[in-house]
Amino acid sequence: MNFKNRYNTKAFRENPLICNVQYSSMKSGFPVLLCLFLFILGCSKDKFNVNPSLRIKSYSKLVSSGEFFNAVLEYSQKKGKISGDSLTIIRHRYNQKPVSPPDQQTNDTILTILNGDPDAIPDANSAEFHVSLDYTFIHIDNGENDSIDFRFILTDLSGRKSDTVRTGMVVLLNN
C-alpha cells in the first residue's frame, strides 16, 4: 500500500492505514458540522414576533371635503389576536399657519379599540385591516390646505407595542 505521508510523522510511518483514515474523516467532518450549525440557526428564527408588527400597505394621499382618509394596514404577531387591541393614530401637521380659534378641535392623537364584528376582525398571525377617518374630523379649517401625515401604533392586550409606522404626506384640500 502506498499512502502519502503529508506531515512526515513517526505515527504515520508506523501505522499509515489508521492515520490516513483519521485524516480523511476529519477533513469531511467540517462541512457537515458547518451545515448542521446553519440548519440549527435557520430553524431557531421565527417569522412572527411576540410584539405586534405593523406595516402600511396603502393610504389616501389627497382628501377633499366630504371624503374619507383611508389606509390599509397589515399586522403580524405570533399567536395574533387583534380583537381588543388598541390603535393609536397621531396626526402630524406641517402647516406653518397657526390654528385659530383656540377652541377649535385640535386633537392630534386618536385612540381606538379594535372591536366589532368577529368576521371583520381576523384572529391570525398576520392579516390586514382598514382605517377610515372622516375629512371633517381630521381637517382644521385655517384658510389653507392641510399638509399632514399619520403615524400608527398598535398596542396588544398585554401592553406590547408595535413600531410606529408613518404615512407619507397627505393633503387635505380646503374647499
C-alpha atoms as a PDB file:
ATOM      1  CA  MET A   1       0.000   0.000   0.000  1.00  0.00           C
ATOM      2  CA  ASN A   2       1.195   3.407  -0.924  1.00  0.00           C
ATOM      3  CA  PHE A   3      -0.165   6.140   1.364  1.00  0.00           C
ATOM      4  CA  LYS A   4       1.094   9.697   1.237  1.00  0.00           C
ATOM      5  CA  ASN A   5       2.739  10.857   4.476  1.00  0.00           C
ATOM      6  CA  ARG A   6       1.769  14.541   4.376  1.00  0.00           C
ATOM      7  CA  TYR A   7       3.401  15.636   7.572  1.00  0.00           C
ATOM      8  CA  ASN A   8       6.255  13.065   7.637  1.00  0.00           C
ATOM      9  CA  THR A   9       5.302  11.946  11.119  1.00  0.00           C
ATOM     10  CA  LYS A  10       6.519   8.943  13.037  1.00  0.00           C
ATOM     11  CA  ALA A  11       2.922   7.825  13.725  1.00  0.00           C
ATOM     12  CA  PHE A  12       2.166   7.746  10.010  1.00  0.00           C
ATOM     13  CA  ARG A  13       5.337   5.817   9.225  1.00  0.00           C
ATOM     14  CA  GLU A  14       4.491   3.213  11.880  1.00  0.00           C
ATOM     15  CA  ASN A  15       0.784   2.815  11.050  1.00  0.00           C
ATOM     16  CA  PRO A  16      -0.107   4.545   7.750  1.00  0.00           C
ATOM     17  CA  LEU A  17      -3.575   2.990   7.342  1.00  0.00           C
ATOM     18  CA  ILE A  18      -5.019   4.279  10.661  1.00  0.00           C
ATOM     19  CA  CYS A  19      -3.569   7.790  10.271  1.00  0.00           C
ATOM     20  CA  ASN A  20      -4.889   8.176   6.735  1.00  0.00           C
ATOM     21  CA  VAL A  21      -8.423   7.137   7.784  1.00  0.00           C
ATOM     22  CA  GLN A  22      -8.370   9.603  10.696  1.00  0.00           C
ATOM     23  CA  TYR A  23      -7.242  12.427   8.410  1.00  0.00           C
ATOM     24  CA  SER A  24      -9.950  11.634   5.825  1.00  0.00           C
ATOM     25  CA  SER A  25     -12.763  11.559   8.378  1.00  0.00           C
ATOM     26  CA  MET A  26     -11.640  14.840   9.986  1.00  0.00           C
ATOM     27  CA  LYS A  27     -11.492  16.504   6.584  1.00  0.00           C
ATOM     28  CA  SER A  28     -15.125  15.590   5.697  1.00  0.00           C
ATOM     29  CA  GLY A  29     -16.465  16.405   9.189  1.00  0.00           C
ATOM     30  CA  PHE A  30     -16.022  20.188   8.966  1.00  0.00           C
ATOM     31  CA  PRO A  31     -18.573  20.781   6.167  1.00  0.00           C
ATOM     32  CA  VAL A  32     -21.054  18.520   7.960  1.00  0.00           C
ATOM     33  CA  LEU A  33     -20.671  20.493  11.190  1.00  0.00           C
ATOM     34  CA  LEU A  34     -20.999  23.783   9.312  1.00  0.00           C
ATOM     35  CA  CYS A  35     -24.213  22.627   7.608  1.00  0.00           C
ATOM     36  CA  LEU A  36     -25.603  21.398  10.933  1.00  0.00           C
ATOM     37  CA  PHE A  37     -24.822  24.756  12.585  1.00  0.00           C
ATOM     38  CA  LEU A  38     -26.520  26.722   9.771  1.00  0.00           C
ATOM     39  CA  PHE A  39     -29.552  24.431   9.894  1.00  0.00           C
ATOM     40  CA  ILE A  40     -29.983  24.953  13.639  1.00  0.00           C
ATOM     41  CA  LEU A  41     -29.505  28.705  13.260  1.00  0.00           C
ATOM     42  CA  GLY A  42     -32.115  28.856  10.493  1.00  0.00           C
ATOM     43  CA  CYS A  43     -34.672  26.837  12.428  1.00  0.00           C
ATOM     44  CA  SER A  44     -34.374  28.950  15.553  1.00  0.00           C
ATOM     45  CA  LYS A  45     -35.697  32.092  13.836  1.00  0.00           C
ATOM     46  CA  ASP A  46     -39.435  32.664  13.971  1.00  0.00           C
ATOM     47  CA  LYS A  47     -41.211  34.616  11.253  1.00  0.00           C
ATOM     48  CA  PHE A  48     -43.548  36.292  13.732  1.00  0.00           C
ATOM     49  CA  ASN A  49     -42.508  38.302  16.774  1.00  0.00           C
ATOM     50  CA  VAL A  50     -44.174  38.332  20.160  1.00  0.00           C
ATOM     51  CA  ASN A  51     -44.574  42.110  19.791  1.00  0.00           C
ATOM     52  CA  PRO A  52     -47.087  43.222  17.185  1.00  0.00           C
ATOM     53  CA  SER A  53     -45.655  44.390  13.887  1.00  0.00           C
ATOM     54  CA  LEU A  54     -47.443  46.963  11.758  1.00  0.00           C
ATOM     55  CA  ARG A  55     -46.936  47.992   8.127  1.00  0.00           C
ATOM     56  CA  ILE A  56     -48.775  50.449   5.881  1.00  0.00           C
ATOM     57  CA  LYS A  57     -49.908  48.781   2.676  1.00  0.00           C
ATOM     58  CA  SER A  58     -51.680  51.793   1.106  1.00  0.00           C
ATOM     59  CA  TYR A  59     -53.258  55.134   2.031  1.00  0.00           C
ATOM     60  CA  SER A  60     -55.064  58.157   0.536  1.00  0.00           C
ATOM     61  CA  LYS A  61     -52.663  60.909  -0.479  1.00  0.00           C
ATOM     62  CA  LEU A  62     -55.295  63.535  -1.332  1.00  0.00           C
ATOM     63  CA  VAL A  63     -58.579  64.008   0.534  1.00  0.00           C
ATOM     64  CA  SER A  64     -61.327  66.502  -0.379  1.00  0.00           C
ATOM     65  CA  SER A  65     -64.286  67.725   1.638  1.00  0.00           C
ATOM     66  CA  GLY A  66     -66.913  65.002   2.050  1.00  0.00           C
ATOM     67  CA  GLU A  67     -64.376  62.204   1.533  1.00  0.00           C
ATOM     68  CA  PHE A  68     -62.543  59.892   3.903  1.00  0.00           C
ATOM     69  CA  PHE A  69     -58.864  59.331   4.538  1.00  0.00           C
ATOM     70  CA  ASN A  70     -58.389  55.588   4.057  1.00  0.00           C
ATOM     71  CA  ALA A  71     -55.423  53.436   4.970  1.00  0.00           C
ATOM     72  CA  VAL A  72     -54.836  49.700   4.709  1.00  0.00           C
ATOM     73  CA  LEU A  73     -52.569  48.361   7.464  1.00  0.00           C
ATOM     74  CA  GLU A  74     -51.004  44.923   7.767  1.00  0.00           C
ATOM     75  CA  TYR A  75     -50.182  43.473  11.140  1.00  0.00           C
ATOM     76  CA  SER A  76     -48.358  40.351  12.204  1.00  0.00           C
ATOM     77  CA  GLN A  77     -47.835  38.848  15.617  1.00  0.00           C
ATOM     78  CA  LYS A  78     -47.114  35.399  16.955  1.00  0.00           C
ATOM     79  CA  LYS A  79     -50.373  33.995  18.319  1.00  0.00           C
ATOM     80  CA  GLY A  80     -52.002  37.142  16.932  1.00  0.00           C
ATOM     81  CA  LYS A  81     -55.447  38.096  18.080  1.00  0.00           C
ATOM     82  CA  ILE A  82     -56.100  41.688  17.145  1.00  0.00           C
ATOM     83  CA  SER A  83     -59.619  41.935  18.576  1.00  0.00           C
ATOM     84  CA  GLY A  84     -59.484  44.174  21.646  1.00  0.00           C
ATOM     85  CA  ASP A  85     -56.081  45.668  20.788  1.00  0.00           C
ATOM     86  CA  SER A  86     -55.793  49.443  20.600  1.00  0.00           C
ATOM     87  CA  LEU A  87     -54.651  51.533  17.658  1.00  0.00           C
ATOM     88  CA  THR A  88     -53.141  54.950  18.327  1.00  0.00           C
ATOM     89  CA  ILE A  89     -53.311  57.368  15.394  1.00  0.00           C
ATOM     90  CA  ILE A  90     -51.196  60.513  15.579  1.00  0.00           C
ATOM     91  CA  ARG A  91     -51.841  63.387  13.180  1.00  0.00           C
ATOM     92  CA  HIS A  92     -48.742  65.461  12.475  1.00  0.00           C
ATOM     93  CA  ARG A  93     -49.387  68.855  10.808  1.00  0.00           C
ATOM     94  CA  TYR A  94     -46.795  70.516   8.574  1.00  0.00           C
ATOM     95  CA  ASN A  95     -48.687  73.809   8.138  1.00  0.00           C
ATOM     96  CA  GLN A  96     -46.915  76.927   9.351  1.00  0.00           C
ATOM     97  CA  LYS A  97     -50.093  78.977   9.848  1.00  0.00           C
ATOM     98  CA  PRO A  98     -51.401  78.611  13.440  1.00  0.00           C
ATOM     99  CA  VAL A  99     -54.800  77.125  14.142  1.00  0.00           C
ATOM    100  CA  SER A 100     -57.496  79.562  15.227  1.00  0.00           C
ATOM    101  CA  PRO A 101     -59.754  79.910  17.117  1.00  0.00           C
ATOM    102  CA  PRO A 102     -58.131  78.108  20.050  1.00  0.00           C
ATOM    103  CA  ASP A 103     -61.348  76.329  20.996  1.00  0.00           C
ATOM    104  CA  GLN A 104     -61.494  74.533  17.626  1.00  0.00           C
ATOM    105  CA  GLN A 105     -60.888  70.784  17.869  1.00  0.00           C
ATOM    106  CA  THR A 106     -57.116  70.251  17.521  1.00  0.00           C
ATOM    107  CA  ASN A 107     -56.754  66.710  18.861  1.00  0.00           C
ATOM    108  CA  ASP A 108     -53.661  65.250  17.249  1.00  0.00           C
ATOM    109  CA  THR A 109     -53.905  61.829  18.917  1.00  0.00           C
ATOM    110  CA  ILE A 110     -56.747  59.420  18.318  1.00  0.00           C
ATOM    111  CA  LEU A 111     -57.034  56.227  20.357  1.00  0.00           C
ATOM    112  CA  THR A 112     -59.372  53.489  19.180  1.00  0.00           C
ATOM    113  CA  ILE A 113     -60.088  49.940  20.316  1.00  0.00           C
ATOM    114  CA  LEU A 114     -60.257  47.330  17.549  1.00  0.00           C
ATOM    115  CA  ASN A 115     -63.617  45.701  18.274  1.00  0.00           C
ATOM    116  CA  GLY A 116     -66.679  44.901  16.293  1.00  0.00           C
ATOM    117  CA  ASP A 117     -67.904  42.148  14.045  1.00  0.00           C
ATOM    118  CA  PRO A 118     -65.810  38.996  14.696  1.00  0.00           C
ATOM    119  CA  ASP A 119     -65.876  38.231  10.962  1.00  0.00           C
ATOM    120  CA  ALA A 120     -64.355  41.652  10.209  1.00  0.00           C
ATOM    121  CA  ILE A 121     -61.515  41.328  12.731  1.00  0.00           C
ATOM    122  CA  PRO A 122     -59.297  38.353  11.964  1.00  0.00           C
ATOM    123  CA  ASP A 123     -57.621  36.174  14.598  1.00  0.00           C
ATOM    124  CA  ALA A 124     -54.497  35.164  12.720  1.00  0.00           C
ATOM    125  CA  ASN A 125     -50.730  35.570  12.864  1.00  0.00           C
ATOM    126  CA  SER A 126     -50.978  38.122  10.059  1.00  0.00           C
ATOM    127  CA  ALA A 127     -53.785  39.986   8.332  1.00  0.00           C
ATOM    128  CA  GLU A 128     -54.761  43.421   7.118  1.00  0.00           C
ATOM    129  CA  PHE A 129     -57.348  45.903   8.321  1.00  0.00           C
ATOM    130  CA  HIS A 130     -58.675  49.263   7.164  1.00  0.00           C
ATOM    131  CA  VAL A 131     -58.694  52.668   8.846  1.00  0.00           C
ATOM    132  CA  SER A 132     -61.133  55.371   7.662  1.00  0.00           C
ATOM    133  CA  LEU A 133     -61.188  58.908   9.034  1.00  0.00           C
ATOM    134  CA  ASP A 134     -63.788  61.479   8.004  1.00  0.00           C
ATOM    135  CA  TYR A 135     -62.461  64.692   6.420  1.00  0.00           C
ATOM    136  CA  THR A 136     -64.406  66.857   8.905  1.00  0.00           C
ATOM    137  CA  PHE A 137     -62.763  65.015  11.805  1.00  0.00           C
ATOM    138  CA  ILE A 138     -59.151  65.429  10.631  1.00  0.00           C
ATOM    139  CA  HIS A 139     -59.222  68.764   8.751  1.00  0.00           C
ATOM    140  CA  ILE A 140     -58.639  72.039  10.586  1.00  0.00           C
ATOM    141  CA  ASP A 141     -60.020  74.987   8.623  1.00  0.00           C
ATOM    142  CA  ASN A 142     -57.497  77.811   8.778  1.00  0.00           C
ATOM    143  CA  GLY A 143     -57.913  79.036   5.198  1.00  0.00           C
ATOM    144  CA  GLU A 144     -55.343  76.753   3.575  1.00  0.00           C
ATOM    145  CA  ASN A 145     -54.860  73.121   2.613  1.00  0.00           C
ATOM    146  CA  ASP A 146     -53.694  70.916   5.435  1.00  0.00           C
ATOM    147  CA  SER A 147     -50.413  69.060   4.889  1.00  0.00           C
ATOM    148  CA  ILE A 148     -50.253  66.215   7.366  1.00  0.00           C
ATOM    149  CA  ASP A 149     -49.089  62.687   7.920  1.00  0.00           C
ATOM    150  CA  PHE A 150     -50.437  59.949  10.160  1.00  0.00           C
ATOM    151  CA  ARG A 151     -48.484  57.690  12.468  1.00  0.00           C
ATOM    152  CA  PHE A 152     -49.915  54.414  13.708  1.00  0.00           C
ATOM    153  CA  ILE A 153     -49.020  52.364  16.792  1.00  0.00           C
ATOM    154  CA  LEU A 154     -50.701  49.055  17.605  1.00  0.00           C
ATOM    155  CA  THR A 155     -50.813  48.004  21.282  1.00  0.00           C
ATOM    156  CA  ASP A 156     -51.946  44.486  22.150  1.00  0.00           C
ATOM    157  CA  LEU A 157     -53.915  43.487  25.247  1.00  0.00           C
ATOM    158  CA  SER A 158     -50.664  42.658  27.081  1.00  0.00           C
ATOM    159  CA  GLY A 159     -49.352  46.205  26.551  1.00  0.00           C
ATOM    160  CA  ARG A 160     -46.756  45.285  23.895  1.00  0.00           C
ATOM    161  CA  LYS A 161     -46.432  47.993  21.251  1.00  0.00           C
ATOM    162  CA  SER A 162     -45.546  47.808  17.597  1.00  0.00           C
ATOM    163  CA  ASP A 163     -43.048  50.114  15.976  1.00  0.00           C
ATOM    164  CA  THR A 164     -44.507  53.427  14.831  1.00  0.00           C
ATOM    165  CA  VAL A 165     -45.326  53.384  11.121  1.00  0.00           C
ATOM    166  CA  ARG A 166     -45.926  56.590   9.216  1.00  0.00           C
ATOM    167  CA  THR A 167     -47.680  57.570   6.022  1.00  0.00           C
ATOM    168  CA  GLY A 168     -46.097  59.988   3.617  1.00  0.00           C
ATOM    169  CA  MET A 169     -47.538  63.458   3.098  1.00  0.00           C
ATOM    170  CA  VAL A 170     -51.343  63.623   2.956  1.00  0.00           C
ATOM    171  CA  VAL A 171     -53.009  66.783   1.625  1.00  0.00           C
ATOM    172  CA  LEU A 172     -56.457  67.750   2.907  1.00  0.00           C
ATOM    173  CA  LEU A 173     -57.902  70.186   0.374  1.00  0.00           C
ATOM    174  CA  ASN A 174     -59.570  73.310   1.743  1.00  0.00           C
ATOM    175  CA  ASN A 175     -62.842  73.573  -0.222  1.00  0.00           C
END
